[in-house]
Structures are given as C-alpha cells and as structure tokens.
Amino acid sequence: MQDQINNLSKLAKDKHKENKTFFTKLKKKPPKQLDYIMQELHEAEFKKTDCLECANCCKTTGPLFTDKDITRIAKHFKMKPHQFTEQFLRLDEENDYVLQSVPCTFLGADNYCSIYEVRPKACREFPHTDRKKFQQISNLTLKNVAICPAAYNIVEAMKTRIKL
C-alpha cells in the first residue's frame, strides 16, 4: 500500500490531462445511469481497500468543518464551539474553517481517528466517489485521485466502464 501511496502523485499527474478530458466530456453528456455506476464502482473498490492501511487523506489534507461539525465535535469534547474553533481550526482563504495544520490532529499513529464517530461530514463522505450528480464534482475528483488510491482506481475503472 505504501508504494502505491508514494507513486500516487506521479500516477495522477501522468493521467491528469486524460482525466480532465474525460470529465469535460462527462459533464457535457453524463450517462443516465451515472449515479448507479458510480455507486457500484465505489462499493467494489471499498470492498478491497482498507482506509486504515492508508489514511493519506488525513495525513496530507484537512477537511472543511461546517458549523454543524464544529458544534457536534465540540460537544464530544465537552467544549464550547468557539473554544474548539480557537484550539483546532483556522479560517482559510475562502473563509471556511479548516484544521490549523496537517496531518490531522485527530489521527493516531495506528491510522485510527480519535473522533471517528463525530468526524466532519467532509471526512465521512471522502473521496466523494459515490456522490449523487457525480459529474458536478469533477474538479474535486481530479484533486482526490492524487490523494486517495481508491479514488484513483475508481476513476480508472470509470474510464473503462463509461465510453464517451
């Protein structure tokens, strides 16, 4: 798994132009069954992918924290939302709350998340490959293939399965 993670950035970079072209065509004319196909590809990939072996998303990027996330996680820590925000978060260029630093503060050495049960929505949904109206998040997916081996594999399977 570590070899795949180490090579992922280069693999994604090599496929970037091809993927971008594919997603441009996909946006223009998404197949009627796209959401079902994506759900199938996502489920098939995550039957053989163990996120605990990787955790590259937690090590290299930080999620956005919504107000609901902040309230829920602060409650978990028995803190006030503003205390949680001050201790762990910062506002980014787009005025979104994100972690002050990566790797994620809540990631353990064993790749387990210490707030898994109350983790942010962005973490629960990552890598977003089973999202409805998938064609609308192609820019996000292009970024995620360089971070997540499963997302990379799903996009490769997708290009084989969907002929545009």
N, C-alpha and C. Protein backbone atom coordinates (compact mmCIF):
# COMPACT_ATOMS: atom_id res chain seq x y z
N MET A 1 0.83 -1.20 0.00
CA MET A 1 0.00 0.00 0.00
C MET A 1 0.87 1.26 0.00
N GLN A 2 1.93 1.28 0.80
CA GLN A 2 2.78 2.46 0.89
C GLN A 2 3.42 2.80 -0.45
N ASP A 3 3.80 1.77 -1.23
CA ASP A 3 4.37 2.00 -2.56
C ASP A 3 3.36 2.73 -3.44
N GLN A 4 2.11 2.26 -3.39
CA GLN A 4 1.06 2.87 -4.20
C GLN A 4 0.86 4.34 -3.78
N ILE A 5 0.86 4.60 -2.48
CA ILE A 5 0.69 5.96 -1.98
C ILE A 5 1.86 6.84 -2.43
N ASN A 6 3.08 6.30 -2.34
CA ASN A 6 4.27 7.05 -2.75
C ASN A 6 4.24 7.41 -4.24
N ASN A 7 3.68 6.52 -5.07
CA ASN A 7 3.64 6.74 -6.52
C ASN A 7 2.38 7.47 -6.98
N LEU A 8 1.42 7.64 -6.08
CA LEU A 8 0.11 8.16 -6.46
C LEU A 8 0.18 9.55 -7.09
N SER A 9 0.95 10.43 -6.51
CA SER A 9 1.05 11.79 -7.04
C SER A 9 1.54 11.78 -8.49
N LYS A 10 2.56 10.98 -8.77
CA LYS A 10 3.10 10.88 -10.13
C LYS A 10 2.08 10.24 -11.07
N LEU A 11 1.45 9.15 -10.62
CA LEU A 11 0.42 8.49 -11.44
C LEU A 11 -0.70 9.47 -11.79
N ALA A 12 -1.16 10.19 -10.79
CA ALA A 12 -2.26 11.16 -11.00
C ALA A 12 -1.82 12.27 -11.96
N LYS A 13 -0.59 12.71 -11.80
CA LYS A 13 -0.07 13.77 -12.68
C LYS A 13 0.00 13.27 -14.13
N ASP A 14 0.48 12.03 -14.31
CA ASP A 14 0.57 11.43 -15.64
C ASP A 14 -0.80 11.28 -16.30
N LYS A 15 -1.83 11.05 -15.51
CA LYS A 15 -3.18 10.82 -16.03
C LYS A 15 -4.04 12.09 -16.02
N HIS A 16 -3.49 13.20 -15.49
CA HIS A 16 -4.30 14.41 -15.29
C HIS A 16 -4.98 14.90 -16.58
N LYS A 17 -4.23 15.01 -17.65
CA LYS A 17 -4.79 15.53 -18.91
C LYS A 17 -5.89 14.59 -19.42
N GLU A 18 -5.60 13.31 -19.40
CA GLU A 18 -6.58 12.30 -19.83
C GLU A 18 -7.85 12.38 -18.97
N ASN A 19 -7.66 12.49 -17.66
CA ASN A 19 -8.80 12.56 -16.74
C ASN A 19 -9.60 13.84 -16.94
N LYS A 20 -8.90 14.93 -17.14
CA LYS A 20 -9.57 16.22 -17.34
C LYS A 20 -10.44 16.18 -18.61
N THR A 21 -9.91 15.61 -19.67
CA THR A 21 -10.65 15.47 -20.92
C THR A 21 -11.88 14.59 -20.70
N PHE A 22 -11.68 13.48 -20.00
CA PHE A 22 -12.79 12.56 -19.71
C PHE A 22 -13.89 13.28 -18.93
N PHE A 23 -13.52 14.01 -17.88
CA PHE A 23 -14.52 14.70 -17.05
C PHE A 23 -15.21 15.83 -17.80
N THR A 24 -14.51 16.49 -18.70
CA THR A 24 -15.14 17.54 -19.51
C THR A 24 -16.24 16.93 -20.37
N LYS A 25 -15.94 15.79 -20.99
CA LYS A 25 -16.96 15.09 -21.80
C LYS A 25 -18.10 14.59 -20.92
N LEU A 26 -17.75 14.09 -19.75
CA LEU A 26 -18.76 13.55 -18.82
C LEU A 26 -19.74 14.64 -18.39
N LYS A 27 -19.22 15.84 -18.13
CA LYS A 27 -20.07 16.96 -17.73
C LYS A 27 -21.06 17.34 -18.83
N LYS A 28 -20.56 17.30 -20.08
CA LYS A 28 -21.40 17.68 -21.22
C LYS A 28 -22.52 16.69 -21.47
N LYS A 29 -22.20 15.40 -21.29
CA LYS A 29 -23.19 14.37 -21.60
C LYS A 29 -23.08 13.21 -20.61
N PRO A 30 -23.54 13.43 -19.36
CA PRO A 30 -23.47 12.33 -18.38
C PRO A 30 -24.42 11.20 -18.73
N PRO A 31 -23.98 9.95 -18.62
CA PRO A 31 -24.87 8.82 -18.88
C PRO A 31 -26.04 8.83 -17.89
N LYS A 32 -27.19 8.34 -18.32
CA LYS A 32 -28.38 8.31 -17.46
C LYS A 32 -28.13 7.56 -16.16
N GLN A 33 -27.36 6.52 -16.22
CA GLN A 33 -27.13 5.67 -15.04
C GLN A 33 -25.86 6.02 -14.27
N LEU A 34 -25.33 7.22 -14.47
CA LEU A 34 -24.04 7.57 -13.88
C LEU A 34 -24.01 7.36 -12.36
N ASP A 35 -25.02 7.82 -11.64
CA ASP A 35 -25.01 7.68 -10.18
C ASP A 35 -24.97 6.21 -9.76
N TYR A 36 -25.69 5.36 -10.49
CA TYR A 36 -25.69 3.92 -10.17
C TYR A 36 -24.33 3.30 -10.47
N ILE A 37 -23.77 3.68 -11.61
CA ILE A 37 -22.45 3.16 -11.99
C ILE A 37 -21.42 3.57 -10.93
N MET A 38 -21.46 4.83 -10.52
CA MET A 38 -20.50 5.32 -9.53
C MET A 38 -20.67 4.61 -8.19
N GLN A 39 -21.89 4.37 -7.80
CA GLN A 39 -22.16 3.65 -6.55
C GLN A 39 -21.55 2.24 -6.62
N GLU A 40 -21.76 1.59 -7.76
CA GLU A 40 -21.22 0.24 -7.98
C GLU A 40 -19.69 0.23 -7.92
N LEU A 41 -19.07 1.16 -8.65
CA LEU A 41 -17.60 1.23 -8.69
C LEU A 41 -17.04 1.56 -7.31
N HIS A 42 -17.70 2.47 -6.60
CA HIS A 42 -17.29 2.87 -5.25
C HIS A 42 -17.34 1.66 -4.31
N GLU A 43 -18.47 0.96 -4.31
CA GLU A 43 -18.63 -0.19 -3.42
C GLU A 43 -17.63 -1.30 -3.75
N ALA A 44 -17.42 -1.56 -5.02
CA ALA A 44 -16.46 -2.60 -5.43
C ALA A 44 -15.05 -2.25 -4.96
N GLU A 45 -14.66 -0.99 -5.11
CA GLU A 45 -13.32 -0.57 -4.71
C GLU A 45 -13.15 -0.64 -3.20
N PHE A 46 -14.15 -0.22 -2.45
CA PHE A 46 -14.01 -0.21 -1.00
C PHE A 46 -14.20 -1.58 -0.35
N LYS A 47 -14.56 -2.58 -1.15
CA LYS A 47 -14.54 -3.96 -0.63
C LYS A 47 -13.10 -4.45 -0.54
N LYS A 48 -12.22 -3.87 -1.38
CA LYS A 48 -10.83 -4.33 -1.39
C LYS A 48 -9.85 -3.28 -0.85
N THR A 49 -10.33 -2.10 -0.50
CA THR A 49 -9.47 -1.03 0.02
C THR A 49 -9.73 -0.85 1.50
N ASP A 50 -8.66 -0.88 2.29
CA ASP A 50 -8.76 -0.64 3.73
C ASP A 50 -8.15 0.73 4.02
N CYS A 51 -9.00 1.68 4.33
CA CYS A 51 -8.53 3.05 4.59
C CYS A 51 -7.54 3.12 5.75
N LEU A 52 -7.63 2.18 6.67
CA LEU A 52 -6.71 2.19 7.82
C LEU A 52 -5.27 1.85 7.41
N GLU A 53 -5.09 1.20 6.28
CA GLU A 53 -3.75 0.93 5.77
C GLU A 53 -3.12 2.17 5.15
N CYS A 54 -3.96 3.12 4.80
CA CYS A 54 -3.52 4.29 4.04
C CYS A 54 -3.57 5.57 4.86
N ALA A 55 -4.76 6.08 5.09
CA ALA A 55 -5.01 7.35 5.80
C ALA A 55 -4.28 8.53 5.16
N ASN A 56 -3.97 8.43 3.88
CA ASN A 56 -3.26 9.51 3.20
C ASN A 56 -4.06 10.81 3.20
N CYS A 57 -5.38 10.70 3.13
CA CYS A 57 -6.22 11.91 3.17
C CYS A 57 -6.01 12.64 4.49
N CYS A 58 -5.96 11.91 5.59
CA CYS A 58 -5.78 12.51 6.93
C CYS A 58 -4.36 13.05 7.12
N LYS A 59 -3.42 12.46 6.41
CA LYS A 59 -2.01 12.86 6.57
C LYS A 59 -1.63 14.06 5.70
N THR A 60 -2.38 14.26 4.60
CA THR A 60 -1.94 15.28 3.64
C THR A 60 -2.92 16.43 3.42
N THR A 61 -4.18 16.26 3.79
CA THR A 61 -5.17 17.32 3.58
C THR A 61 -6.02 17.48 4.83
N GLY A 62 -6.71 18.57 4.89
CA GLY A 62 -7.62 18.80 6.00
C GLY A 62 -9.02 19.04 5.48
N PRO A 63 -10.02 18.55 6.18
CA PRO A 63 -11.40 18.74 5.73
C PRO A 63 -11.92 20.14 6.07
N LEU A 64 -13.01 20.50 5.43
CA LEU A 64 -13.75 21.69 5.82
C LEU A 64 -14.62 21.31 7.01
N PHE A 65 -14.76 22.21 7.94
CA PHE A 65 -15.62 21.98 9.10
C PHE A 65 -16.83 22.90 8.98
N THR A 66 -18.02 22.31 8.91
CA THR A 66 -19.24 23.12 8.88
C THR A 66 -19.59 23.53 10.30
N ASP A 67 -20.53 24.44 10.45
CA ASP A 67 -20.99 24.84 11.79
C ASP A 67 -21.54 23.63 12.55
N LYS A 68 -22.27 22.76 11.82
CA LYS A 68 -22.80 21.54 12.46
C LYS A 68 -21.68 20.64 12.95
N ASP A 69 -20.64 20.50 12.14
CA ASP A 69 -19.47 19.69 12.53
C ASP A 69 -18.84 20.25 13.80
N ILE A 70 -18.63 21.55 13.80
CA ILE A 70 -17.98 22.20 14.94
C ILE A 70 -18.80 22.00 16.21
N THR A 71 -20.10 22.19 16.11
CA THR A 71 -20.98 22.03 17.28
C THR A 71 -20.94 20.60 17.79
N ARG A 72 -21.02 19.63 16.87
CA ARG A 72 -21.04 18.21 17.24
C ARG A 72 -19.71 17.78 17.88
N ILE A 73 -18.61 18.17 17.28
CA ILE A 73 -17.29 17.76 17.78
C ILE A 73 -16.97 18.47 19.10
N ALA A 74 -17.33 19.74 19.20
CA ALA A 74 -17.11 20.48 20.45
C ALA A 74 -17.89 19.81 21.59
N LYS A 75 -19.11 19.42 21.31
CA LYS A 75 -19.93 18.73 22.32
C LYS A 75 -19.24 17.44 22.77
N HIS A 76 -18.69 16.71 21.80
CA HIS A 76 -17.95 15.47 22.09
C HIS A 76 -16.81 15.73 23.07
N PHE A 77 -16.13 16.86 22.90
CA PHE A 77 -15.01 17.23 23.79
C PHE A 77 -15.45 18.00 25.04
N LYS A 78 -16.78 18.18 25.15
CA LYS A 78 -17.35 18.96 26.28
C LYS A 78 -16.75 20.37 26.30
N MET A 79 -16.71 20.96 25.10
CA MET A 79 -16.19 22.32 24.92
C MET A 79 -17.29 23.17 24.30
N LYS A 80 -17.11 24.46 24.36
CA LYS A 80 -17.98 25.38 23.62
C LYS A 80 -17.44 25.42 22.18
N PRO A 81 -18.33 25.57 21.21
CA PRO A 81 -17.87 25.61 19.81
C PRO A 81 -16.74 26.62 19.57
N HIS A 82 -16.81 27.80 20.17
CA HIS A 82 -15.74 28.79 19.93
C HIS A 82 -14.41 28.33 20.53
N GLN A 83 -14.46 27.55 21.62
CA GLN A 83 -13.21 27.02 22.20
C GLN A 83 -12.59 26.00 21.25
N PHE A 84 -13.44 25.12 20.72
CA PHE A 84 -12.96 24.11 19.76
C PHE A 84 -12.33 24.81 18.55
N THR A 85 -13.03 25.80 18.04
CA THR A 85 -12.55 26.54 16.86
C THR A 85 -11.19 27.18 17.15
N GLU A 86 -11.08 27.85 18.27
CA GLU A 86 -9.82 28.51 18.62
C GLU A 86 -8.66 27.53 18.77
N GLN A 87 -8.96 26.37 19.36
CA GLN A 87 -7.90 25.40 19.63
C GLN A 87 -7.45 24.62 18.40
N PHE A 88 -8.38 24.29 17.51
CA PHE A 88 -8.04 23.36 16.43
C PHE A 88 -8.16 23.91 15.00
N LEU A 89 -8.91 24.98 14.80
CA LEU A 89 -9.23 25.41 13.44
C LEU A 89 -8.69 26.79 13.10
N ARG A 90 -8.75 27.09 11.82
CA ARG A 90 -8.41 28.42 11.31
C ARG A 90 -9.31 28.68 10.10
N LEU A 91 -9.45 29.93 9.73
CA LEU A 91 -10.20 30.29 8.52
C LEU A 91 -9.23 30.27 7.34
N ASP A 92 -9.63 29.63 6.24
CA ASP A 92 -8.77 29.61 5.05
C ASP A 92 -9.10 30.80 4.15
N GLU A 93 -8.49 30.82 2.97
CA GLU A 93 -8.65 31.92 2.01
C GLU A 93 -10.11 32.11 1.59
N GLU A 94 -10.88 31.04 1.62
CA GLU A 94 -12.28 31.10 1.19
C GLU A 94 -13.23 31.27 2.37
N ASN A 95 -12.66 31.59 3.52
CA ASN A 95 -13.44 31.81 4.75
C ASN A 95 -14.12 30.54 5.27
N ASP A 96 -13.52 29.41 4.99
CA ASP A 96 -14.00 28.13 5.52
C ASP A 96 -13.13 27.73 6.69
N TYR A 97 -13.74 27.05 7.65
CA TYR A 97 -12.96 26.53 8.77
C TYR A 97 -12.25 25.25 8.36
N VAL A 98 -10.96 25.21 8.59
CA VAL A 98 -10.12 24.04 8.30
C VAL A 98 -9.19 23.82 9.49
N LEU A 99 -8.52 22.68 9.49
CA LEU A 99 -7.55 22.39 10.56
C LEU A 99 -6.40 23.40 10.53
N GLN A 100 -5.85 23.67 11.69
CA GLN A 100 -4.71 24.59 11.75
C GLN A 100 -3.49 24.00 11.05
N SER A 101 -3.38 22.66 11.06
CA SER A 101 -2.24 22.02 10.42
C SER A 101 -2.58 20.59 10.03
N VAL A 102 -1.80 20.04 9.14
CA VAL A 102 -1.89 18.63 8.77
C VAL A 102 -0.56 17.99 9.11
N PRO A 103 -0.48 16.70 9.40
CA PRO A 103 -1.59 15.75 9.42
C PRO A 103 -2.66 16.12 10.45
N CYS A 104 -3.81 15.52 10.27
CA CYS A 104 -4.94 15.79 11.15
C CYS A 104 -4.58 15.55 12.61
N THR A 105 -4.95 16.49 13.43
CA THR A 105 -4.74 16.43 14.88
C THR A 105 -5.34 15.17 15.50
N PHE A 106 -6.40 14.68 14.90
CA PHE A 106 -7.17 13.58 15.48
C PHE A 106 -6.76 12.21 14.94
N LEU A 107 -5.73 12.18 14.10
CA LEU A 107 -5.24 10.92 13.53
C LEU A 107 -4.20 10.30 14.46
N GLY A 108 -4.42 9.05 14.83
CA GLY A 108 -3.47 8.34 15.68
C GLY A 108 -2.37 7.68 14.86
N ALA A 109 -1.31 7.25 15.52
CA ALA A 109 -0.19 6.57 14.85
C ALA A 109 -0.65 5.29 14.16
N ASP A 110 -1.76 4.71 14.64
CA ASP A 110 -2.30 3.48 14.06
C ASP A 110 -3.29 3.77 12.92
N ASN A 111 -3.35 5.02 12.48
CA ASN A 111 -4.27 5.49 11.43
C ASN A 111 -5.73 5.51 11.85
N TYR A 112 -6.00 5.33 13.12
CA TYR A 112 -7.38 5.44 13.61
C TYR A 112 -7.67 6.90 13.94
N CYS A 113 -8.91 7.29 13.72
CA CYS A 113 -9.37 8.64 14.01
C CYS A 113 -9.95 8.67 15.42
N SER A 114 -9.45 9.59 16.23
CA SER A 114 -9.92 9.65 17.61
C SER A 114 -11.32 10.26 17.73
N ILE A 115 -11.82 10.88 16.66
CA ILE A 115 -13.18 11.43 16.68
C ILE A 115 -14.06 10.79 15.59
N TYR A 116 -13.73 9.56 15.23
CA TYR A 116 -14.40 8.89 14.11
C TYR A 116 -15.92 8.97 14.17
N GLU A 117 -16.49 8.73 15.34
CA GLU A 117 -17.96 8.72 15.47
C GLU A 117 -18.58 10.09 15.25
N VAL A 118 -17.81 11.16 15.44
CA VAL A 118 -18.34 12.52 15.29
C VAL A 118 -17.56 13.31 14.22
N ARG A 119 -16.80 12.62 13.40
CA ARG A 119 -15.92 13.27 12.41
C ARG A 119 -16.73 14.20 11.48
N PRO A 120 -16.03 15.15 10.86
CA PRO A 120 -16.70 16.08 9.94
C PRO A 120 -17.36 15.37 8.76
N LYS A 121 -18.39 16.00 8.23
CA LYS A 121 -19.11 15.47 7.06
C LYS A 121 -18.14 15.24 5.90
N ALA A 122 -17.20 16.16 5.70
CA ALA A 122 -16.23 16.02 4.61
C ALA A 122 -15.42 14.73 4.74
N CYS A 123 -15.10 14.33 5.97
CA CYS A 123 -14.36 13.09 6.21
C CYS A 123 -15.26 11.87 5.96
N ARG A 124 -16.50 11.95 6.43
CA ARG A 124 -17.43 10.83 6.25
C ARG A 124 -17.67 10.54 4.78
N GLU A 125 -17.69 11.58 3.96
CA GLU A 125 -18.03 11.42 2.54
C GLU A 125 -16.83 11.21 1.62
N PHE A 126 -15.63 11.44 2.13
CA PHE A 126 -14.42 11.32 1.30
C PHE A 126 -14.26 9.89 0.78
N PRO A 127 -13.88 9.67 -0.47
CA PRO A 127 -13.43 10.60 -1.50
C PRO A 127 -14.55 11.10 -2.42
N HIS A 128 -15.80 11.01 -1.98
CA HIS A 128 -16.95 11.57 -2.69
C HIS A 128 -17.25 10.88 -4.02
N THR A 129 -16.75 9.68 -4.21
CA THR A 129 -16.94 8.97 -5.48
C THR A 129 -18.31 8.28 -5.57
N ASP A 130 -19.09 8.33 -4.50
CA ASP A 130 -20.43 7.75 -4.57
C ASP A 130 -21.51 8.83 -4.44
N ARG A 131 -21.11 10.04 -4.67
CA ARG A 131 -22.00 11.19 -4.53
C ARG A 131 -22.98 11.28 -5.71
N LYS A 132 -24.19 11.71 -5.44
CA LYS A 132 -25.18 11.92 -6.50
C LYS A 132 -24.70 13.07 -7.38
N LYS A 133 -25.08 13.02 -8.65
CA LYS A 133 -24.66 14.04 -9.64
C LYS A 133 -23.14 14.18 -9.63
N PHE A 134 -22.49 13.04 -9.68
CA PHE A 134 -21.04 12.94 -9.61
C PHE A 134 -20.33 13.89 -10.59
N GLN A 135 -20.89 14.06 -11.78
CA GLN A 135 -20.24 14.89 -12.80
C GLN A 135 -20.04 16.33 -12.34
N GLN A 136 -20.77 16.77 -11.31
CA GLN A 136 -20.65 18.14 -10.83
C GLN A 136 -19.41 18.38 -9.96
N ILE A 137 -18.76 17.31 -9.53
CA ILE A 137 -17.59 17.47 -8.65
C ILE A 137 -16.30 16.99 -9.32
N SER A 138 -16.24 17.14 -10.62
CA SER A 138 -15.06 16.62 -11.34
C SER A 138 -13.76 17.30 -10.89
N ASN A 139 -13.79 18.60 -10.59
CA ASN A 139 -12.56 19.27 -10.14
C ASN A 139 -12.08 18.70 -8.81
N LEU A 140 -13.00 18.43 -7.92
CA LEU A 140 -12.66 17.82 -6.63
C LEU A 140 -12.10 16.41 -6.85
N THR A 141 -12.71 15.65 -7.75
CA THR A 141 -12.26 14.29 -8.03
C THR A 141 -10.85 14.31 -8.63
N LEU A 142 -10.58 15.25 -9.51
CA LEU A 142 -9.23 15.37 -10.09
C LEU A 142 -8.18 15.58 -9.00
N LYS A 143 -8.53 16.33 -7.96
CA LYS A 143 -7.61 16.53 -6.83
C LYS A 143 -7.49 15.26 -6.00
N ASN A 144 -8.63 14.60 -5.78
CA ASN A 144 -8.66 13.43 -4.89
C ASN A 144 -7.92 12.22 -5.45
N VAL A 145 -7.81 12.09 -6.77
CA VAL A 145 -7.07 10.95 -7.32
C VAL A 145 -5.59 11.02 -6.97
N ALA A 146 -5.10 12.21 -6.66
CA ALA A 146 -3.70 12.36 -6.27
C ALA A 146 -3.49 12.11 -4.77
N ILE A 147 -4.58 11.99 -4.02
CA ILE A 147 -4.54 11.80 -2.57
C ILE A 147 -4.96 10.40 -2.15
N CYS A 148 -5.97 9.87 -2.84
CA CYS A 148 -6.62 8.63 -2.43
C CYS A 148 -6.46 7.53 -3.48
N PRO A 149 -5.76 6.45 -3.12
CA PRO A 149 -5.60 5.34 -4.08
C PRO A 149 -6.95 4.78 -4.55
N ALA A 150 -7.93 4.75 -3.67
CA ALA A 150 -9.26 4.24 -4.05
C ALA A 150 -9.90 5.14 -5.10
N ALA A 151 -9.81 6.45 -4.92
CA ALA A 151 -10.37 7.40 -5.89
C ALA A 151 -9.67 7.23 -7.24
N TYR A 152 -8.35 7.06 -7.21
CA TYR A 152 -7.59 6.83 -8.44
C TYR A 152 -8.12 5.58 -9.16
N ASN A 153 -8.26 4.49 -8.41
CA ASN A 153 -8.73 3.23 -9.00
C ASN A 153 -10.16 3.35 -9.52
N ILE A 154 -11.00 4.08 -8.81
CA ILE A 154 -12.39 4.25 -9.23
C ILE A 154 -12.45 5.03 -10.55
N VAL A 155 -11.66 6.07 -10.67
CA VAL A 155 -11.65 6.86 -11.91
C VAL A 155 -11.11 6.02 -13.07
N GLU A 156 -10.09 5.22 -12.81
CA GLU A 156 -9.57 4.35 -13.87
C GLU A 156 -10.64 3.34 -14.31
N ALA A 157 -11.35 2.76 -13.36
CA ALA A 157 -12.43 1.81 -13.66
C ALA A 157 -13.57 2.51 -14.41
N MET A 158 -13.82 3.71 -14.01
CA MET A 158 -14.87 4.51 -14.63
C MET A 158 -14.58 4.77 -16.12
N LYS A 159 -13.34 5.09 -16.42
CA LYS A 159 -12.95 5.36 -17.83
C LYS A 159 -13.09 4.10 -18.68
N THR A 160 -12.91 2.95 -18.06
CA THR A 160 -13.07 1.69 -18.79
C THR A 160 -14.56 1.38 -19.00
N ARG A 161 -15.34 1.66 -17.98
CA ARG A 161 -16.76 1.30 -17.97
C ARG A 161 -17.64 2.27 -18.77
N ILE A 162 -17.32 3.55 -18.72
CA ILE A 162 -18.14 4.57 -19.39
C ILE A 162 -17.41 5.03 -20.65
N LYS A 163 -18.00 4.73 -21.76
CA LYS A 163 -17.40 5.12 -23.04
C LYS A 163 -18.03 6.44 -23.49
N LEU A 164 -17.18 7.46 -23.64
CA LEU A 164 -17.69 8.79 -24.04
C LEU A 164 -17.21 9.16 -25.43
